């Protein structure tokens, strides 16, 4: 009979031999596993793996659901599929050589729905509780809502009740959802389901935390809190399980980028286990022919067991014919991120265009370009933005280049970053943002940025802005010897700049110096098409919302100036008369 570690090897080999039906992340994870088996820093504890597999397959049963033949699986043993074998061997088998310390402290398991990840993760969490009873194990299941957290908890409750053990107490009421086991000398464990309320999370102290459906999280604050709660345990495990969602700039989407770096060996993180099954995407985010069986198999490792290919194909057909269901299908069945339904742009298109170029700021300053500035100063207590826009002919085509910079008052930054999920501090450290030590953004900081850009060698011909939002700024810029042009915020004027940027992006002739902050703003633009190809745009979530588009707005202002001067030396307003 084949041992459990052998089964995991067999799975990894199968992935490498059939790359057409596995995604890039899954192929890299399989290669990583086979490499790690030979890594002298780790050792493999086969007995431990055998114990966990035996525990799951002999004591844990399905709570609900049908198999793909519509036969009920309630009360039937949870038999591990090849991919689940692979995960268990990785998580429980690898130890740091010569110690009792498990190698992996964190795991991201990201699959399409109906692949059984909630019950599987709950079973693993229970195995950890049984193994670590001697140190008083504590497990928390955290999700955006109690209802979501109760999915995994309900599964555990159903299983634990079957054991009829008098040492185990279950509370499941409006106030508390917990399982407490006290085995006297042999130790104890405690499992609790919680909604992810920050005030509660702060005081926890657990060795296993499951963070369910992480795609709803806008920022990493809760994740950071959970990491902190585990510091008392040497053998801890933080599980992040999810399908993709429609926040392409949220916590999970950024985590996915980090995982890809780890898998490609660009970043070393030996304590992080990654198992991702999703459809492969081109650089512009395109998933290709999603009616293709192989594309459907990539995101659904349980195909043929819990989900039939026939049902997946039917979903794909529906998504093809009904655009309304398409985003949901991309998120939940192909496990890829999409933009919110109302977003106008696809950020992947911007990234694909930007990736075609790689000039540094210093190189751009030396190019023979006339630059035009723009500033959006409508909210000084919030994100404010400045931009430079230039057109460079590389001998074949005109490439539009846009350099943006954001400004924010430090006083509100922490709150803003947490509440609205805007990575202000990340932008600051990457050089896309300046913080002012005052309650509102300082005009002087913005003027200073334009002066610094001029000192670097940028020939700035004119700067456009709406005078009613910044007369003082206008005056200070004139004193600094910049040519200023009053540019009222009229949608028919702004349409011109908007359409130009859109066109250039689609033709891969737009470069924004790889700015994450600019990408973030682009993903928040909602646009309403008007007559005569004009477009009126605004924030995705309307006036009172938390989304920000200020950097995009400043780029439109600057673009209009550049357009007005292409071949003409005129004021933008004359151009539109």
Protein backbone atom coordinates (compact mmCIF):
# COMPACT_ATOMS: atom_id res chain seq x y z
CA UNK A 1 0.00 0.00 0.00
CA UNK A 2 1.23 3.47 -0.88
CA UNK A 3 2.25 5.62 2.11
CA UNK A 4 0.80 9.12 2.62
CA UNK A 5 4.02 10.94 1.75
CA UNK A 6 4.25 8.86 -1.43
CA UNK A 7 0.68 9.91 -2.28
CA UNK A 8 1.69 13.59 -1.94
CA UNK A 9 4.73 12.98 -4.19
CA UNK A 10 2.48 11.27 -6.70
CA UNK A 11 0.11 14.26 -6.69
CA UNK A 12 3.00 16.73 -7.16
CA UNK A 13 4.37 14.65 -10.04
CA UNK A 14 0.91 14.45 -11.62
CA UNK A 15 0.67 18.27 -11.52
CA UNK A 16 4.06 18.60 -13.23
CA UNK A 17 3.19 15.95 -15.84
CA UNK A 18 -0.20 17.51 -16.70
CA UNK A 19 0.59 21.21 -16.66
CA UNK A 20 -2.14 22.02 -19.19
CA UNK A 21 -4.83 21.41 -16.51
CA UNK A 22 -3.03 23.08 -13.55
CA UNK A 23 -2.41 26.76 -12.96
CA UNK A 24 1.03 28.32 -12.66
CA UNK A 25 0.73 28.69 -8.84
CA UNK A 26 -0.17 25.02 -8.43
CA UNK A 27 2.75 23.88 -10.65
CA UNK A 28 5.18 26.05 -8.65
CA UNK A 29 3.82 24.68 -5.33
CA UNK A 30 4.34 21.10 -6.57
CA UNK A 31 7.94 21.88 -7.59
CA UNK A 32 8.54 23.58 -4.23
CA UNK A 33 7.36 20.46 -2.35
CA UNK A 34 9.60 18.08 -4.29
CA UNK A 35 12.55 20.47 -3.75
CA UNK A 36 11.84 20.76 -0.03
CA UNK A 37 11.89 16.98 0.48
CA UNK A 38 15.62 17.19 -0.26
CA UNK A 39 16.22 20.37 1.75
CA UNK A 40 18.59 19.58 4.68
CA UNK A 41 16.95 22.35 6.81
CA UNK A 42 13.74 20.31 7.14
CA UNK A 43 12.83 16.78 8.04
CA UNK A 44 9.68 14.84 7.21
CA UNK A 45 7.79 13.14 10.06
CA UNK A 46 5.83 10.38 8.32
CA UNK A 47 4.33 9.05 11.57
CA UNK A 48 2.79 12.43 12.25
CA UNK A 49 1.32 12.59 8.73
CA UNK A 50 -0.09 9.06 9.10
CA UNK A 51 -1.68 10.00 12.44
CA UNK A 52 -3.39 13.10 10.99
CA UNK A 53 -4.62 11.33 7.83
CA UNK A 54 -5.96 8.45 9.96
CA UNK A 55 -7.60 10.89 12.39
CA UNK A 56 -9.36 12.82 9.59
CA UNK A 57 -10.45 9.78 7.56
CA UNK A 58 -11.60 7.69 10.56
CA UNK A 59 -13.15 10.17 12.96
CA UNK A 60 -14.45 13.02 10.79
CA UNK A 61 -17.55 12.76 8.62
CA UNK A 62 -19.37 15.05 6.23
CA UNK A 63 -22.12 17.15 7.76
CA UNK A 64 -24.08 17.87 4.62
CA UNK A 65 -24.05 17.92 0.85
CA UNK A 66 -24.13 15.55 -2.09
CA UNK A 67 -21.45 14.04 -4.25
CA UNK A 68 -21.45 14.78 -7.98
CA UNK A 69 -23.97 11.95 -8.52
CA UNK A 70 -26.43 13.72 -6.18
CA UNK A 71 -25.96 11.04 -3.49
CA UNK A 72 -25.98 12.41 0.08
CA UNK A 73 -22.59 12.28 1.83
CA UNK A 74 -23.93 13.17 5.31
CA UNK A 75 -22.27 11.01 8.00
CA UNK A 76 -19.90 9.48 5.42
CA UNK A 77 -16.16 9.62 6.25
CA UNK A 78 -14.20 12.61 4.97
CA UNK A 79 -11.84 10.75 2.63
CA UNK A 80 -8.98 12.93 1.45
CA UNK A 81 -8.61 13.72 -2.23
CA UNK A 82 -5.12 13.81 -3.78
CA UNK A 83 -4.80 17.61 -3.40
CA UNK A 84 -5.94 17.38 0.25
CA UNK A 85 -3.36 14.67 0.88
CA UNK A 86 -0.77 17.00 -0.54
CA UNK A 87 -1.82 19.82 1.83
CA UNK A 88 -1.85 17.58 4.93
CA UNK A 89 1.61 16.13 4.19
CA UNK A 90 3.02 19.64 3.79
CA UNK A 91 1.41 21.12 6.88
CA UNK A 92 1.96 18.28 9.32
CA UNK A 93 4.98 16.53 7.86
CA UNK A 94 7.68 19.20 7.64
CA UNK A 95 9.62 20.03 10.79
CA UNK A 96 12.62 22.27 11.28
CA UNK A 97 15.47 19.78 11.50
CA UNK A 98 16.30 18.53 14.96
CA UNK A 99 13.36 20.29 16.66
CA UNK A 100 9.69 19.73 17.53
CA UNK A 101 8.82 22.87 15.65
CA UNK A 102 6.56 22.59 12.63
CA UNK A 103 7.92 24.35 9.59
CA UNK A 104 4.74 26.05 8.40
CA UNK A 105 3.18 28.80 10.52
CA UNK A 106 0.84 30.21 7.92
CA UNK A 107 -1.13 28.80 5.03
CA UNK A 108 -3.10 30.34 2.19
CA UNK A 109 -5.59 27.96 0.61
CA UNK A 110 -7.40 29.59 -2.26
CA UNK A 111 -9.81 27.55 -4.38
CA UNK A 112 -13.06 27.98 -6.25
CA UNK A 113 -16.24 27.26 -4.29
CA UNK A 114 -17.75 23.75 -3.99
CA UNK A 115 -14.26 22.22 -3.64
CA UNK A 116 -14.79 21.45 0.02
CA UNK A 117 -12.25 23.90 1.48
CA UNK A 118 -14.31 24.96 4.55
CA UNK A 119 -14.91 21.42 5.89
CA UNK A 120 -11.35 20.37 4.99
CA UNK A 121 -9.80 23.36 6.81
CA UNK A 122 -12.06 22.76 9.82
CA UNK A 123 -10.90 19.10 9.90
CA UNK A 124 -7.26 20.22 9.81
CA UNK A 125 -7.90 22.75 12.60
CA UNK A 126 -9.38 19.97 14.73
CA UNK A 127 -6.33 17.79 14.07
CA UNK A 128 -4.12 20.66 15.33
CA UNK A 129 -6.28 20.89 18.49
CA UNK A 130 -5.87 17.17 19.20
CA UNK A 131 -2.10 17.30 18.62
CA UNK A 132 -1.52 20.37 20.75
CA UNK A 133 -3.82 19.65 23.73
CA UNK A 134 -0.80 19.42 26.06
CA UNK A 135 -0.03 23.12 25.58
CA UNK A 136 -3.72 24.14 25.97
CA UNK A 137 -4.60 24.64 22.37
CA UNK A 138 -6.95 27.45 21.29
CA UNK A 139 -8.51 27.83 17.88
CA UNK A 140 -10.49 30.82 16.58
CA UNK A 141 -12.55 30.80 13.39
CA UNK A 142 -12.86 34.37 12.17
CA UNK A 143 -14.93 35.64 9.23
CA UNK A 144 -16.51 38.87 8.14
CA UNK A 145 -19.85 37.80 9.61
CA UNK A 146 -20.77 35.33 12.38
CA UNK A 147 -22.89 33.49 9.80
CA UNK A 148 -19.79 32.81 7.67
CA UNK A 149 -17.70 31.75 10.70
CA UNK A 150 -20.46 29.34 11.76
CA UNK A 151 -20.03 27.30 8.58
CA UNK A 152 -16.72 25.82 9.75
CA UNK A 153 -17.89 25.86 13.39
CA UNK A 154 -21.15 23.99 12.57
CA UNK A 155 -19.10 21.31 10.83
CA UNK A 156 -16.85 20.89 13.91
CA UNK A 157 -19.80 20.87 16.30
CA UNK A 158 -21.54 18.17 14.23
CA UNK A 159 -18.42 16.01 14.42
CA UNK A 160 -17.50 16.58 18.05
CA UNK A 161 -21.08 15.82 19.19
CA UNK A 162 -20.78 12.38 17.58
CA UNK A 163 -17.88 11.53 19.92
CA UNK A 164 -20.17 11.67 22.97
CA UNK A 165 -17.22 12.68 25.15
CA UNK A 166 -18.22 13.95 28.61
CA UNK A 167 -15.02 16.06 28.77
CA UNK A 168 -16.28 18.26 25.92
CA UNK A 169 -18.75 21.15 26.43
CA UNK A 170 -20.46 22.91 23.52
CA UNK A 171 -21.99 26.40 23.71
CA UNK A 172 -23.91 27.47 20.64
CA UNK A 173 -26.26 30.37 21.35
CA UNK A 174 -26.63 34.03 20.39
CA UNK A 175 -23.81 35.10 22.73
CA UNK A 176 -21.22 32.40 22.17
CA UNK A 177 -20.26 29.68 19.73
CA UNK A 178 -17.55 27.57 21.37
CA UNK A 179 -16.32 24.02 22.01
CA UNK A 180 -14.32 23.46 25.24
CA UNK A 181 -12.51 20.18 25.90
CA UNK A 182 -10.77 19.50 29.20
CA UNK A 183 -8.87 16.23 29.51
CA UNK A 184 -7.35 16.94 32.94
CA UNK A 185 -3.65 15.97 32.97
CA UNK A 186 -3.61 15.44 29.23
CA UNK A 187 -4.43 19.05 28.52
CA UNK A 188 -7.28 20.92 26.83
CA UNK A 189 -8.47 22.65 23.71
CA UNK A 190 -10.91 25.47 22.97
CA UNK A 191 -12.55 26.39 19.65
CA UNK A 192 -14.58 29.56 19.06
CA UNK A 193 -16.30 31.18 16.05
CA UNK A 194 -16.14 34.99 15.88
CA UNK A 195 -17.09 37.79 13.52
CA UNK A 196 -14.03 39.81 12.77
CA UNK A 197 -14.58 42.60 15.20
CA UNK A 198 -11.28 44.34 15.91
CA UNK A 199 -11.99 45.04 19.56
CA UNK A 200 -12.44 41.28 20.19
CA UNK A 201 -9.49 40.19 18.11
CA UNK A 202 -7.09 42.36 20.05
CA UNK A 203 -7.43 40.35 23.25
CA UNK A 204 -7.27 36.83 21.77
CA UNK A 205 -4.46 34.42 22.36
CA UNK A 206 -4.67 31.40 20.07
CA UNK A 207 -2.38 28.93 18.32
CA UNK A 208 -4.69 28.18 15.37
CA UNK A 209 -6.68 30.87 13.59
CA UNK A 210 -8.81 30.32 10.51
CA UNK A 211 -9.55 33.46 8.57
CA UNK A 212 -12.45 32.55 6.27
CA UNK A 213 -13.46 34.30 3.02
CA UNK A 214 -10.63 36.81 3.30
CA UNK A 215 -11.54 38.38 -0.06
CA UNK A 216 -13.99 40.70 1.75
CA UNK A 217 -11.16 42.36 3.75
CA UNK A 218 -10.09 45.74 2.42
CA UNK A 219 -6.85 45.97 4.38
CA UNK A 220 -4.39 43.94 6.39
CA UNK A 221 -5.12 45.35 9.85
CA UNK A 222 -7.13 42.34 11.07
CA UNK A 223 -4.56 39.99 9.62
CA UNK A 224 -1.85 41.87 11.58
CA UNK A 225 -3.88 41.59 14.80
CA UNK A 226 -4.25 37.85 14.31
CA UNK A 227 -0.55 37.38 13.72
CA UNK A 228 0.02 39.19 17.01
CA UNK A 229 -2.40 36.94 18.95
CA UNK A 230 -0.31 33.88 18.14
CA UNK A 231 3.00 35.07 19.42
CA UNK A 232 2.82 32.98 22.68
CA UNK A 233 2.94 29.67 20.78
CA UNK A 234 5.91 28.19 18.97
CA UNK A 235 3.70 25.88 16.93
CA UNK A 236 1.01 28.18 15.66
CA UNK A 237 -0.93 28.20 12.41
CA UNK A 238 -2.77 30.99 10.66
CA UNK A 239 -5.03 29.75 7.87
CA UNK A 240 -6.31 32.14 5.27
CA UNK A 241 -8.97 30.41 3.14
CA UNK A 242 -10.93 32.09 0.42
CA UNK A 243 -12.12 32.33 -3.14
CA UNK A 244 -11.28 35.42 -5.17
CA UNK A 245 -13.54 38.49 -4.95
CA UNK A 246 -14.18 41.86 -6.52
CA UNK A 247 -11.78 44.03 -4.50
CA UNK A 248 -8.72 43.89 -6.78
CA UNK A 249 -6.74 46.16 -4.46
CA UNK A 250 -7.82 44.55 -1.13
CA UNK A 251 -5.91 42.41 1.38
CA UNK A 252 -6.29 39.08 -0.44
CA UNK A 253 -5.36 40.40 -3.88
CA UNK A 254 -2.17 41.89 -2.42
CA UNK A 255 -1.49 38.66 -0.50
CA UNK A 256 -1.82 36.74 -3.74
CA UNK A 257 0.88 38.92 -5.34
CA UNK A 258 3.16 38.16 -2.37
CA UNK A 259 2.46 34.40 -2.68
CA UNK A 260 3.38 34.48 -6.35
CA UNK A 261 6.73 36.04 -5.41
CA UNK A 262 7.37 33.31 -2.80
CA UNK A 263 6.48 30.54 -5.25
CA UNK A 264 8.73 32.03 -7.94
CA UNK A 265 11.54 32.14 -5.35
CA UNK A 266 11.82 35.94 -5.60
CA UNK A 267 11.09 36.16 -1.85
CA UNK A 268 12.22 33.55 0.70
CA UNK A 269 9.47 32.64 3.17
CA UNK A 270 9.88 29.06 4.35
CA UNK A 271 7.17 29.25 6.98
CA UNK A 272 4.39 30.07 4.51
CA UNK A 273 2.49 27.25 2.81
CA UNK A 274 0.67 28.21 -0.39
CA UNK A 275 -1.93 26.22 -2.25
CA UNK A 276 -3.74 28.15 -4.98
CA UNK A 277 -5.92 26.77 -7.75
CA UNK A 278 -7.19 29.40 -10.20
CA UNK A 279 -7.50 29.97 -13.92
CA UNK A 280 -4.26 31.22 -15.51
CA UNK A 281 -4.41 34.84 -16.65
CA UNK A 282 -2.59 36.82 -19.33
CA UNK A 283 -0.90 40.07 -18.19
CA UNK A 284 -4.09 42.01 -19.00
CA UNK A 285 -6.09 39.68 -16.72
CA UNK A 286 -7.69 37.73 -19.56
CA UNK A 287 -8.47 34.06 -18.72
CA UNK A 288 -8.76 32.98 -22.39
CA UNK A 289 -11.33 30.38 -23.40
CA UNK A 290 -13.17 29.57 -20.19
CA UNK A 291 -15.34 26.96 -21.89
CA UNK A 292 -12.14 24.89 -22.16
CA UNK A 293 -12.12 21.92 -19.75
CA UNK A 294 -8.53 22.55 -18.75
CA UNK A 295 -9.27 26.14 -17.66
CA UNK A 296 -12.15 24.88 -15.49
CA UNK A 297 -9.97 22.11 -14.00
CA UNK A 298 -7.25 24.61 -12.97
CA UNK A 299 -9.49 26.29 -10.40
CA UNK A 300 -11.41 23.19 -9.31
CA UNK A 301 -9.06 20.48 -7.98
CA UNK A 302 -12.08 18.49 -6.70
CA UNK A 303 -13.54 18.11 -10.21
CA UNK A 304 -14.98 14.66 -10.72
CA UNK A 305 -15.55 14.26 -6.93
CA UNK A 306 -17.54 17.15 -5.42
CA UNK A 307 -18.15 19.05 -8.62
CA UNK A 308 -18.77 17.63 -12.09
CA UNK A 309 -17.18 19.00 -15.24
CA UNK A 310 -20.65 19.01 -16.81
CA UNK A 311 -21.96 21.43 -14.14
CA UNK A 312 -18.83 23.62 -14.49
CA UNK A 313 -19.33 23.78 -18.28
CA UNK A 314 -22.95 24.79 -17.84
CA UNK A 315 -21.87 27.64 -15.54
CA UNK A 316 -19.30 28.73 -18.13
CA UNK A 317 -21.93 28.70 -20.92
CA UNK A 318 -24.24 30.83 -18.80
CA UNK A 319 -21.45 33.33 -18.03
CA UNK A 320 -20.67 33.56 -21.74
CA UNK A 321 -24.28 34.33 -22.63
CA UNK A 322 -25.22 36.46 -19.63
CA UNK A 323 -22.78 39.25 -18.74
CA UNK A 324 -24.62 39.77 -15.44
CA UNK A 325 -23.41 36.44 -14.08
CA UNK A 326 -19.91 36.73 -15.54
CA UNK A 327 -18.12 38.44 -12.64
CA UNK A 328 -19.60 35.99 -10.16
CA UNK A 329 -18.45 33.09 -12.38
CA UNK A 330 -14.91 34.55 -12.63
CA UNK A 331 -14.72 35.03 -8.83
CA UNK A 332 -16.35 31.85 -7.59
CA UNK A 333 -15.75 29.24 -10.29
CA UNK A 334 -12.48 30.38 -11.89
CA UNK A 335 -11.17 31.94 -8.65
CA UNK A 336 -9.84 35.11 -10.30
CA UNK A 337 -10.26 38.68 -9.09
CA UNK A 338 -12.50 41.03 -10.98
CA UNK A 339 -13.30 44.64 -10.60
CA UNK A 340 -16.49 45.74 -9.00
CA UNK A 341 -19.37 45.56 -11.54
CA UNK A 342 -19.58 49.33 -11.66
CA UNK A 343 -15.87 49.98 -12.24
CA UNK A 344 -15.14 51.37 -15.69
CA UNK A 345 -11.53 50.31 -16.17
CA UNK A 346 -9.86 46.96 -15.89
CA UNK A 347 -6.64 47.67 -13.89
CA UNK A 348 -4.98 44.68 -15.58
CA UNK A 349 -5.08 46.56 -18.90
CA UNK A 350 -3.24 49.48 -17.28
CA UNK A 351 -0.66 47.09 -15.78
CA UNK A 352 -0.16 45.36 -19.17
CA UNK A 353 0.49 48.75 -20.86
CA UNK A 354 2.74 50.00 -18.05
CA UNK A 355 4.78 46.77 -18.12
CA UNK A 356 5.87 47.54 -21.72
CA UNK A 357 8.15 50.36 -20.46
CA UNK A 358 10.67 50.76 -17.69
CA UNK A 359 12.10 54.30 -17.65
CA UNK A 360 13.22 55.64 -14.28
CA UNK A 361 12.29 59.18 -13.17
CA UNK A 362 15.89 60.24 -13.91
CA UNK A 363 15.69 58.80 -17.44
CA UNK A 364 12.33 60.47 -18.07
CA UNK A 365 13.76 63.86 -17.02
CA UNK A 366 16.39 63.55 -19.76
CA UNK A 367 13.93 62.71 -22.58
CA UNK A 368 13.12 65.61 -24.96
CA UNK A 369 9.54 66.04 -23.72
CA UNK A 370 7.45 69.08 -22.84
CA UNK A 371 5.63 68.25 -19.63
CA UNK A 372 2.23 69.54 -18.54
CA UNK A 373 1.06 69.55 -14.96
CA UNK A 374 -2.30 69.00 -13.30
CA UNK A 375 -3.48 69.17 -9.68
CA UNK A 376 -6.65 68.03 -7.96
CA UNK A 377 -7.03 70.06 -4.77
CA UNK A 378 -10.71 69.59 -4.08
CA UNK A 379 -10.18 67.86 -0.70
CA UNK A 380 -7.24 69.12 1.29
CA UNK A 381 -8.19 67.14 4.42
CA UNK A 382 -8.02 63.98 2.34
CA UNK A 383 -6.06 62.53 -0.55
CA UNK A 384 -4.76 65.25 -2.84
CA UNK A 385 -2.86 64.70 -6.06
CA UNK A 386 -0.49 66.26 -8.58
CA UNK A 387 0.56 64.93 -11.99
CA UNK A 388 2.91 65.53 -14.90
CA UNK A 389 1.96 64.38 -18.37
CA UNK A 390 4.16 64.19 -21.45
CA UNK A 391 4.09 62.58 -24.89
CA UNK A 392 7.24 60.90 -26.17
CA UNK A 393 7.73 59.69 -29.71
CA UNK A 394 9.98 56.62 -29.60
CA UNK A 395 10.42 56.60 -33.41
CA UNK A 396 7.40 54.36 -34.01
CA UNK A 397 4.61 55.66 -31.84
CA UNK A 398 3.62 58.33 -29.32
CA UNK A 399 3.90 56.99 -25.77
CA UNK A 400 1.94 58.97 -23.15
CA UNK A 401 3.77 59.16 -19.84
CA UNK A 402 2.13 60.16 -16.61
CA UNK A 403 3.93 60.74 -13.29
CA UNK A 404 1.63 61.19 -10.29
CA UNK A 405 2.20 62.04 -6.66
CA UNK A 406 -0.22 61.93 -3.72
CA UNK A 407 -0.38 64.08 -0.57
CA UNK A 408 -2.11 63.29 2.71
CA UNK A 409 -2.28 64.83 6.23
CA UNK A 410 -0.52 62.52 8.69
CA UNK A 411 -3.08 63.21 11.47
CA UNK A 412 -5.82 61.25 9.67
CA UNK A 413 -3.59 58.75 7.89
CA UNK A 414 -3.79 55.85 10.34
CA UNK A 415 -7.55 56.01 10.59
CA UNK A 416 -7.97 56.40 6.85
CA UNK A 417 -5.66 53.49 6.08
CA UNK A 418 -7.55 51.22 8.51
CA UNK A 419 -11.13 52.30 7.86
CA UNK A 420 -10.98 52.57 4.09
CA UNK A 421 -8.27 50.07 3.36
CA UNK A 422 -6.03 52.56 1.52
CA UNK A 423 -2.35 51.54 1.82
CA UNK A 424 -1.14 55.10 2.50
CA UNK A 425 1.97 54.08 4.44
CA UNK A 426 2.98 51.60 1.71
CA UNK A 427 2.69 54.39 -0.87
CA UNK A 428 4.73 56.66 1.34
CA UNK A 429 7.56 54.15 1.65
CA UNK A 430 7.45 53.52 -2.14
CA UNK A 431 7.79 57.28 -2.77
CA UNK A 432 4.30 57.89 -4.27
CA UNK A 433 3.02 59.92 -1.36
CA UNK A 434 4.11 62.82 0.88
CA UNK A 435 2.62 63.13 4.39
CA UNK A 436 2.16 66.57 5.89
CA UNK A 437 2.40 67.03 9.67
CA UNK A 438 -0.74 69.22 9.69
CA UNK A 439 -4.54 68.61 9.76
CA UNK A 440 -4.78 69.42 6.03
CA UNK A 441 -2.45 68.97 3.07
CA UNK A 442 -0.03 71.90 2.71
CA UNK A 443 -0.04 73.81 -0.57
CA UNK A 444 3.68 74.30 0.00
CA UNK A 445 4.27 70.51 -0.24
CA UNK A 446 2.57 70.35 -3.64
CA UNK A 447 4.43 73.42 -4.94
CA UNK A 448 7.65 71.89 -3.60
CA UNK A 449 6.97 68.68 -5.59
CA UNK A 450 6.62 70.62 -8.85
CA UNK A 451 9.80 72.61 -8.07
CA UNK A 452 11.70 69.37 -7.30
CA UNK A 453 10.54 67.83 -10.58
CA UNK A 454 11.72 70.95 -12.44
CA UNK A 455 15.07 70.74 -10.65
CA UNK A 456 15.40 67.10 -11.76
CA UNK A 457 15.23 68.36 -15.35
CA UNK A 458 11.53 68.18 -16.27
CA UNK A 459 10.62 71.03 -18.62
CA UNK A 460 7.16 71.96 -17.31
CA UNK A 461 5.35 74.13 -19.88
CA UNK A 462 2.10 74.77 -17.96
CA UNK A 463 0.05 73.46 -15.01
CA UNK A 464 -3.76 73.23 -15.11
CA UNK A 465 -6.14 73.25 -12.16
CA UNK A 466 -9.56 74.48 -11.11
CA UNK A 467 -8.91 77.91 -9.56
CA UNK A 468 -11.95 77.83 -7.27
CA UNK A 469 -10.32 75.00 -5.29
CA UNK A 470 -6.94 76.59 -4.78
CA UNK A 471 -6.42 80.31 -5.38
CA UNK A 472 -3.60 80.34 -2.83
CA UNK A 473 -1.91 77.40 -4.57
CA UNK A 474 -2.23 79.17 -7.91
CA UNK A 475 -0.54 82.26 -6.49
CA UNK A 476 2.32 80.23 -4.92
CA UNK A 477 2.90 78.38 -8.20
CA UNK A 478 3.05 81.66 -10.13
CA UNK A 479 5.56 82.98 -7.58
CA UNK A 480 7.63 79.84 -8.27
CA UNK A 481 7.55 80.86 -11.97
CA UNK A 482 5.13 78.21 -13.28
CA UNK A 483 2.67 79.09 -16.02
CA UNK A 484 -0.76 78.42 -14.49
CA UNK A 485 -3.98 77.76 -16.43
CA UNK A 486 -7.39 77.87 -14.85
CA UNK A 487 -9.21 74.71 -15.82
CA UNK A 488 -12.81 74.43 -14.60
CA UNK A 489 -14.04 70.91 -13.77
CA UNK A 490 -16.45 70.57 -16.70
CA UNK A 491 -17.18 67.03 -17.76
CA UNK A 492 -17.07 67.71 -21.51
CA UNK A 493 -13.54 69.09 -21.08
CA UNK A 494 -12.46 66.21 -18.87
CA UNK A 495 -13.90 63.66 -21.33
CA UNK A 496 -11.17 64.51 -23.78
CA UNK A 497 -8.37 63.65 -21.31
CA UNK A 498 -10.26 60.56 -20.09
CA UNK A 499 -10.71 59.17 -23.60
CA UNK A 500 -7.11 59.85 -24.52
CA UNK A 501 -5.83 57.87 -21.50
CA UNK A 502 -8.31 55.05 -22.20
CA UNK A 503 -7.22 54.82 -25.86
CA UNK A 504 -3.51 54.88 -25.02
CA UNK A 505 -3.93 52.15 -22.40
CA UNK A 506 -5.77 49.87 -24.82
CA UNK A 507 -2.97 50.35 -27.38
CA UNK A 508 -0.31 49.70 -24.73
CA UNK A 509 1.08 53.22 -25.20
CA UNK A 510 0.58 54.50 -21.66
CA UNK A 511 3.20 54.45 -18.90
CA UNK A 512 2.64 55.54 -15.28
CA UNK A 513 6.04 54.54 -13.78
CA UNK A 514 4.62 51.39 -12.08
CA UNK A 515 2.74 53.42 -9.44
CA UNK A 516 0.53 51.25 -7.19
CA UNK A 517 -1.23 54.37 -6.00
CA UNK A 518 -2.24 55.25 -9.57
CA UNK A 519 -3.50 51.67 -10.15
CA UNK A 520 -5.57 51.89 -6.98
CA UNK A 521 -7.27 55.12 -8.16
CA UNK A 522 -7.90 53.71 -11.64
CA UNK A 523 -9.73 50.69 -10.14
CA UNK A 524 -12.16 53.06 -8.38
CA UNK A 525 -13.38 55.02 -11.42
CA UNK A 526 -17.01 54.75 -12.40
CA UNK A 527 -18.03 56.37 -15.69
CA UNK A 528 -21.30 57.26 -17.33
CA UNK A 529 -21.26 57.47 -21.12
CA UNK A 530 -22.93 60.63 -22.50
CA UNK A 531 -23.85 61.72 -26.00
CA UNK A 532 -21.10 62.47 -28.55
CA UNK A 533 -18.69 60.01 -26.93
CA UNK A 534 -18.37 62.28 -23.89
CA UNK A 535 -18.00 60.63 -20.52
CA UNK A 536 -18.74 61.80 -16.99
CA UNK A 537 -16.78 59.98 -14.35
CA UNK A 538 -16.81 59.81 -10.56
CA UNK A 539 -15.83 57.58 -7.64
CA UNK A 540 -17.16 54.07 -7.63
CA UNK A 541 -19.11 54.51 -4.41
CA UNK A 542 -20.38 58.06 -4.99
CA UNK A 543 -19.78 61.26 -3.05
CA UNK A 544 -19.86 60.02 0.52
CA UNK A 545 -17.89 56.84 -0.31
CA UNK A 546 -14.40 55.76 0.69
CA UNK A 547 -12.94 54.96 -2.74
CA UNK A 548 -10.41 57.49 -4.10
CA UNK A 549 -9.69 58.54 -7.70
CA UNK A 550 -7.65 61.71 -7.08
CA UNK A 551 -4.45 60.59 -8.85
CA UNK A 552 -6.43 59.62 -11.92
CA UNK A 553 -8.19 62.99 -11.76
CA UNK A 554 -4.89 64.88 -11.67
CA UNK A 555 -3.63 62.82 -14.65
CA UNK A 556 -6.75 63.82 -16.63
CA UNK A 557 -6.13 67.52 -15.85
CA UNK A 558 -2.51 67.22 -16.96
CA UNK A 559 -3.49 65.22 -20.06
CA UNK A 560 -5.93 67.94 -21.18
CA UNK A 561 -3.10 70.46 -21.01
CA UNK A 562 -0.82 68.23 -23.05
CA UNK A 563 -3.57 67.69 -25.65
CA UNK A 564 -4.25 71.39 -25.97
CA UNK A 565 -0.61 71.92 -26.74
CA UNK A 566 -0.02 69.05 -29.14
CA UNK A 567 0.97 70.99 -32.21
CA UNK A 568 -0.51 74.20 -30.82
CA UNK A 569 0.80 76.59 -28.32
CA UNK A 570 -2.53 77.48 -26.88
CA UNK A 571 -4.39 77.71 -23.65
CA UNK A 572 -6.58 74.66 -23.08
CA UNK A 573 -9.71 76.75 -22.79
CA UNK A 574 -9.14 78.33 -26.21
CA UNK A 575 -8.81 74.86 -27.63
CA UNK A 576 -12.36 73.97 -26.62
CA UNK A 577 -14.04 77.20 -27.71
